[in-house]
Amino acid sequence: MSRSHPPTPTPSRVLDCRGLRLELAGEPVIMGIVNVTPDSFYDGGRHATTEAAMRHAARLIEEGAGLLDIGGQPTRPGAHVEISEAEEISRVVPVIAALAGKTTVPLSVDTYRPAVARAALEAGVHVVNDIHGFQREPELARLAAQYGAAAIVMHYDLRFAAEPGDVIERQLAFFRRSLAIAAEAGLPAERIVIDPGIGFHKTQQQNLELIARVGELRVLGLPVLLAASRKSVVAHVLGGLPPEERLEGTLAMAALAAWQSVEFLRVHDVRANLRAARMAAALRQTLP
């Protein structure tokens, strides 16, 4: 695949999230992270109650978040303790139900469990964010189709680090399988966003190359989301920094993604990432 920097932006379009419309044009939409968990790698415990999560969500919206991602089960690599479906539902549904009545910002649920997704959709969530890209639980695609929701499908392949081949071509093959599952479930491609899954069963070199080339995934004609905020990919470059010291590295990735016309950034620090992405997008737009 030829590499062009930056890639030609696609025409403006809209992502329909159960009737809420996200305009995708110019600069990335910033997805703010709301972890309703006691053990998230960066902000674990700080937003673990409904009240704390609501305050955090309000701050992210004030800072410019165009989408909120609400999760109750840690999905980072190495998070081996899996809570019950009932516990996950008890964490995310009260937050979703409260926010759905107070904001017009679309809400996403970060889950790989159909029962949790169904409860979240009943509570008013607009987007299903599945780290397994429908390939573990095709039922998630059927639920998104049934409720008219949008969906984020992440690349997740346990063999990715060990097997050879071009990282972009291998991811495109994965996403085509996810799209086939979605089509069979009745979920149109127009409501799907793809995520390269930075940090999930990938080597450091693969992570860096995927970030540097993330815009090439847009060849599928779908919006792309980059979720690399404060992840270990930054620490490996900058001398093992802890999560709380990885903001500058995160902003560099945000700017590079915006330069490549990536449509979504999933981040902890909304205001800073929005400013970095907006500046890079403005520079890109001056090019002929």
Protein backbone atom coordinates (compact mmCIF):
# COMPACT_ATOMS: atom_id res chain seq x y z
CA MET A 1 0.00 0.00 0.00
CA SER A 2 1.36 3.40 -0.91
CA ARG A 3 1.85 5.87 1.91
CA SER A 4 0.92 9.52 1.51
CA HIS A 5 1.33 12.14 4.21
CA PRO A 6 -1.17 13.48 4.91
CA PRO A 7 -3.86 11.37 3.17
CA THR A 8 -6.59 13.14 1.26
CA PRO A 9 -9.54 13.81 3.60
CA THR A 10 -12.83 12.16 2.72
CA PRO A 11 -15.88 14.38 2.20
CA SER A 12 -17.75 15.57 5.27
CA ARG A 13 -20.23 13.06 6.61
CA VAL A 14 -22.44 12.31 9.59
CA LEU A 15 -22.38 9.40 12.02
CA ASP A 16 -25.93 8.60 13.12
CA CYS A 17 -26.00 7.55 16.78
CA ARG A 18 -29.63 6.65 17.46
CA GLY A 19 -30.78 9.98 16.08
CA LEU A 20 -27.95 12.08 17.48
CA ARG A 21 -25.75 13.22 14.62
CA LEU A 22 -21.99 13.58 14.84
CA GLU A 23 -20.53 15.78 12.13
CA LEU A 24 -17.24 14.35 10.91
CA ALA A 25 -15.33 17.11 9.16
CA GLY A 26 -12.18 19.13 9.66
CA GLU A 27 -10.88 18.08 13.06
CA PRO A 28 -11.31 14.90 15.11
CA VAL A 29 -14.24 14.42 17.45
CA ILE A 30 -12.85 14.01 20.95
CA MET A 31 -14.21 11.03 22.88
CA GLY A 32 -13.81 11.60 26.60
CA ILE A 33 -13.15 8.57 28.81
CA VAL A 34 -15.42 7.94 31.82
CA ASN A 35 -14.11 4.88 33.69
CA VAL A 36 -16.59 3.83 36.37
CA THR A 37 -14.05 1.42 37.82
CA PRO A 38 -11.76 1.23 40.85
CA ASP A 39 -8.77 -0.03 38.85
CA SER A 40 -8.37 1.79 35.55
CA PHE A 41 -4.67 2.15 34.70
CA TYR A 42 -4.75 5.97 34.83
CA ASP A 43 -7.77 7.26 36.73
CA GLY A 44 -8.85 4.15 38.62
CA GLY A 45 -11.12 4.92 41.55
CA ARG A 46 -11.52 8.63 40.94
CA HIS A 47 -14.83 8.26 39.08
CA ALA A 48 -16.02 4.94 40.50
CA THR A 49 -19.33 6.25 41.89
CA THR A 50 -22.23 7.52 39.81
CA GLU A 51 -21.91 10.99 41.34
CA ALA A 52 -18.17 11.21 40.65
CA ALA A 53 -18.64 9.88 37.12
CA MET A 54 -21.34 12.47 36.46
CA ARG A 55 -19.08 15.31 37.62
CA HIS A 56 -16.25 14.01 35.47
CA ALA A 57 -18.52 13.66 32.45
CA ALA A 58 -19.76 17.23 32.87
CA ARG A 59 -16.18 18.48 32.97
CA LEU A 60 -15.25 16.55 29.82
CA ILE A 61 -18.25 17.99 27.98
CA GLU A 62 -17.33 21.50 29.13
CA GLU A 63 -13.80 20.94 27.77
CA GLY A 64 -15.17 20.02 24.34
CA ALA A 65 -15.90 16.30 24.28
CA GLY A 66 -18.18 15.38 21.40
CA LEU A 67 -18.69 11.83 22.65
CA LEU A 68 -18.36 10.08 26.02
CA ASP A 69 -17.17 6.49 26.46
CA ILE A 70 -18.43 4.88 29.67
CA GLY A 71 -16.83 1.67 30.90
CA GLY A 72 -17.29 -0.47 33.99
CA GLN A 73 -14.94 -3.38 33.22
CA PRO A 74 -11.21 -2.78 32.71
CA THR A 75 -10.26 -3.98 29.23
CA ARG A 76 -6.58 -3.10 29.24
CA PRO A 77 -4.14 -5.95 28.55
CA GLY A 78 -3.26 -7.57 31.85
CA ALA A 79 -6.61 -6.76 33.50
CA HIS A 80 -7.30 -10.36 34.38
CA VAL A 81 -9.98 -9.90 37.04
CA GLU A 82 -13.32 -10.06 35.26
CA ILE A 83 -16.29 -8.76 37.19
CA SER A 84 -19.76 -10.24 36.78
CA GLU A 85 -22.21 -8.94 34.20
CA ALA A 86 -24.46 -7.77 37.02
CA GLU A 87 -21.63 -5.76 38.58
CA GLU A 88 -20.69 -4.20 35.26
CA ILE A 89 -24.31 -3.26 34.60
CA SER A 90 -24.63 -1.76 38.09
CA ARG A 91 -21.63 0.45 37.38
CA VAL A 92 -22.47 1.80 33.93
CA VAL A 93 -26.26 1.87 33.66
CA PRO A 94 -26.93 4.48 36.39
CA VAL A 95 -24.36 6.80 34.80
CA ILE A 96 -25.77 6.29 31.31
CA ALA A 97 -29.37 6.77 32.46
CA ALA A 98 -28.49 9.97 34.32
CA LEU A 99 -26.43 11.42 31.47
CA ALA A 100 -28.94 10.47 28.78
CA GLY A 101 -31.45 12.82 30.34
CA LYS A 102 -29.05 15.73 30.76
CA THR A 103 -26.90 15.98 27.62
CA THR A 104 -27.18 15.76 23.86
CA VAL A 105 -23.61 14.46 23.61
CA PRO A 106 -23.75 10.86 22.37
CA LEU A 107 -22.85 8.19 24.92
CA SER A 108 -20.82 5.07 24.22
CA VAL A 109 -20.62 1.93 26.35
CA ASP A 110 -17.23 0.20 26.43
CA THR A 111 -18.18 -3.47 26.79
CA TYR A 112 -17.71 -6.84 25.12
CA ARG A 113 -20.75 -8.44 26.79
CA PRO A 114 -24.15 -8.54 25.07
CA ALA A 115 -26.10 -8.43 28.36
CA VAL A 116 -24.29 -5.25 29.40
CA ALA A 117 -24.73 -3.70 25.95
CA ARG A 118 -28.46 -4.46 26.00
CA ALA A 119 -28.89 -2.89 29.45
CA ALA A 120 -26.91 0.15 28.34
CA LEU A 121 -28.96 0.51 25.16
CA GLU A 122 -32.17 0.29 27.19
CA ALA A 123 -30.77 3.03 29.44
CA GLY A 124 -30.18 5.29 26.43
CA VAL A 125 -26.63 4.69 25.21
CA HIS A 126 -25.98 5.59 21.57
CA VAL A 127 -22.81 3.68 20.65
CA VAL A 128 -21.54 0.16 21.41
CA ASN A 129 -17.73 0.03 21.72
CA ASP A 130 -16.53 -3.58 21.36
CA ILE A 131 -12.82 -4.32 21.81
CA HIS A 132 -13.27 -7.66 20.01
CA GLY A 133 -14.78 -6.14 16.87
CA PHE A 134 -17.87 -8.43 16.93
CA GLN A 135 -15.62 -11.47 16.45
CA ARG A 136 -16.08 -12.78 20.00
CA GLU A 137 -19.75 -11.84 20.37
CA PRO A 138 -21.60 -11.27 17.06
CA GLU A 139 -24.68 -10.58 19.20
CA LEU A 140 -23.26 -7.09 19.82
CA ALA A 141 -23.68 -6.30 16.14
CA ARG A 142 -27.27 -7.52 16.23
CA LEU A 143 -28.01 -5.37 19.28
CA ALA A 144 -26.53 -2.27 17.66
CA ALA A 145 -28.63 -2.93 14.56
CA GLN A 146 -31.78 -3.57 16.60
CA TYR A 147 -31.49 -0.33 18.57
CA GLY A 148 -30.25 1.84 15.70
CA ALA A 149 -26.97 2.46 17.50
CA ALA A 150 -23.56 3.17 16.07
CA ALA A 151 -20.65 0.86 16.87
CA ILE A 152 -16.90 1.00 17.35
CA VAL A 153 -15.06 -2.16 16.33
CA MET A 154 -11.54 -2.53 17.67
CA HIS A 155 -8.80 -4.73 16.27
CA TYR A 156 -8.06 -7.59 18.68
CA ASP A 157 -5.86 -10.49 17.59
CA LEU A 158 -3.90 -12.57 20.10
CA ARG A 159 -1.50 -13.66 17.33
CA PHE A 160 -0.79 -10.21 15.93
CA ALA A 161 2.55 -9.66 17.66
CA ALA A 162 3.97 -13.03 16.61
CA GLU A 163 2.85 -13.30 13.00
CA PRO A 164 4.53 -11.56 10.06
CA GLY A 165 3.00 -9.19 7.52
CA ASP A 166 2.20 -5.56 6.93
CA VAL A 167 0.39 -4.18 9.98
CA ILE A 168 -2.14 -2.19 7.98
CA GLU A 169 -2.99 -4.99 5.55
CA ARG A 170 -3.47 -7.41 8.43
CA GLN A 171 -5.77 -5.00 10.24
CA LEU A 172 -7.80 -4.36 7.10
CA ALA A 173 -8.37 -8.11 6.76
CA PHE A 174 -9.60 -8.22 10.38
CA PHE A 175 -11.96 -5.29 9.89
CA ARG A 176 -13.39 -6.81 6.72
CA ARG A 177 -14.37 -9.86 8.81
CA SER A 178 -16.01 -7.55 11.36
CA LEU A 179 -17.89 -5.76 8.60
CA ALA A 180 -19.16 -9.08 7.26
CA ILE A 181 -20.50 -9.94 10.72
CA ALA A 182 -22.15 -6.51 10.93
CA ALA A 183 -23.74 -6.88 7.49
CA GLU A 184 -25.16 -10.27 8.41
CA ALA A 185 -26.61 -8.72 11.58
CA GLY A 186 -28.22 -5.87 9.64
CA LEU A 187 -25.88 -3.19 10.96
CA PRO A 188 -24.95 -0.85 8.09
CA ALA A 189 -21.32 0.11 7.56
CA GLU A 190 -22.36 3.77 7.74
CA ARG A 191 -22.80 3.35 11.50
CA ILE A 192 -19.40 1.74 12.16
CA VAL A 193 -16.12 3.25 13.36
CA ILE A 194 -12.86 1.25 13.36
CA ASP A 195 -10.13 1.32 16.02
CA PRO A 196 -6.65 -0.20 15.49
CA GLY A 197 -6.44 -1.30 19.15
CA ILE A 198 -3.17 0.30 20.19
CA GLY A 199 -1.56 -1.73 22.98
CA PHE A 200 -3.67 -4.84 22.55
CA HIS A 201 -1.35 -7.80 21.80
CA LYS A 202 1.00 -5.71 19.69
CA THR A 203 4.71 -5.08 19.92
CA GLN A 204 6.03 -1.60 20.58
CA GLN A 205 7.20 -1.34 16.99
CA GLN A 206 3.77 -2.39 15.71
CA ASN A 207 2.08 0.18 17.94
CA LEU A 208 4.35 2.95 16.68
CA GLU A 209 3.87 1.98 13.05
CA LEU A 210 0.10 1.78 13.43
CA ILE A 211 -0.02 5.26 14.95
CA ALA A 212 2.28 6.64 12.25
CA ARG A 213 0.15 5.08 9.49
CA VAL A 214 -3.29 5.13 11.11
CA GLY A 215 -4.78 7.26 8.33
CA GLU A 216 -4.24 4.39 5.89
CA LEU A 217 -7.05 2.47 7.61
CA ARG A 218 -9.45 5.02 6.14
CA VAL A 219 -9.19 3.19 2.81
CA LEU A 220 -12.23 1.20 3.96
CA GLY A 221 -14.27 4.39 3.78
CA LEU A 222 -15.10 4.24 7.50
CA PRO A 223 -14.27 6.69 10.28
CA VAL A 224 -11.19 5.78 12.32
CA LEU A 225 -10.72 6.17 16.07
CA LEU A 226 -7.30 6.33 17.72
CA ALA A 227 -7.24 5.30 21.39
CA ALA A 228 -3.68 5.70 22.62
CA SER A 229 -4.12 8.20 25.46
CA ARG A 230 -1.45 7.80 28.14
CA LYS A 231 -0.80 4.20 27.10
CA SER A 232 2.48 2.35 27.56
CA VAL A 233 3.49 3.09 23.97
CA VAL A 234 4.39 6.55 25.31
CA ALA A 235 6.29 5.18 28.28
CA HIS A 236 8.41 2.93 26.08
CA VAL A 237 9.56 5.93 24.05
CA LEU A 238 10.00 8.40 26.89
CA GLY A 239 11.95 6.40 29.42
CA GLY A 240 9.30 4.48 31.31
CA LEU A 241 7.17 7.42 32.42
CA PRO A 242 4.17 6.58 34.65
CA PRO A 243 0.66 7.25 33.24
CA GLU A 244 0.34 10.62 34.95
CA GLU A 245 3.42 11.91 33.06
CA ARG A 246 2.43 10.79 29.56
CA LEU A 247 0.38 13.78 28.43
CA GLU A 248 2.98 15.30 26.08
CA GLY A 249 3.44 11.99 24.28
CA THR A 250 -0.31 11.63 24.00
CA LEU A 251 -0.61 15.10 22.46
CA ALA A 252 2.04 14.24 19.87
CA MET A 253 -0.02 11.23 18.82
CA ALA A 254 -3.21 13.31 18.73
CA ALA A 255 -1.60 15.87 16.44
CA LEU A 256 -0.27 13.18 14.12
CA ALA A 257 -3.68 11.51 13.97
CA ALA A 258 -5.38 14.81 13.14
CA TRP A 259 -2.78 15.42 10.42
CA GLN A 260 -3.89 12.09 8.92
CA SER A 261 -7.59 13.09 9.04
CA VAL A 262 -8.51 10.56 11.72
CA GLU A 263 -12.07 11.22 12.80
CA PHE A 264 -12.04 10.30 16.52
CA LEU A 265 -9.59 10.49 19.42
CA ARG A 266 -10.41 8.60 22.64
CA VAL A 267 -8.62 10.47 25.43
CA HIS A 268 -8.45 11.23 29.13
CA ASP A 269 -7.52 14.92 28.72
CA VAL A 270 -10.13 16.45 26.43
CA ARG A 271 -9.13 20.13 26.33
CA ALA A 272 -5.43 19.54 25.68
CA ASN A 273 -6.02 16.91 22.99
CA LEU A 274 -8.67 19.02 21.30
CA ARG A 275 -6.28 21.95 21.06
CA ALA A 276 -3.43 19.82 19.71
CA ALA A 277 -5.70 18.14 17.16
CA ARG A 278 -7.29 21.42 16.10
CA MET A 279 -3.91 22.99 15.45
CA ALA A 280 -2.70 20.03 13.38
CA ALA A 281 -5.96 19.91 11.42
CA ALA A 282 -5.71 23.64 10.66
CA LEU A 283 -2.18 23.18 9.34
CA ARG A 284 -3.26 20.23 7.20
CA GLN A 285 -6.13 22.22 5.72
CA THR A 286 -3.73 24.87 4.35
CA LEU A 287 -2.24 22.31 1.95
CA PRO A 288 -3.41 22.37 -1.66
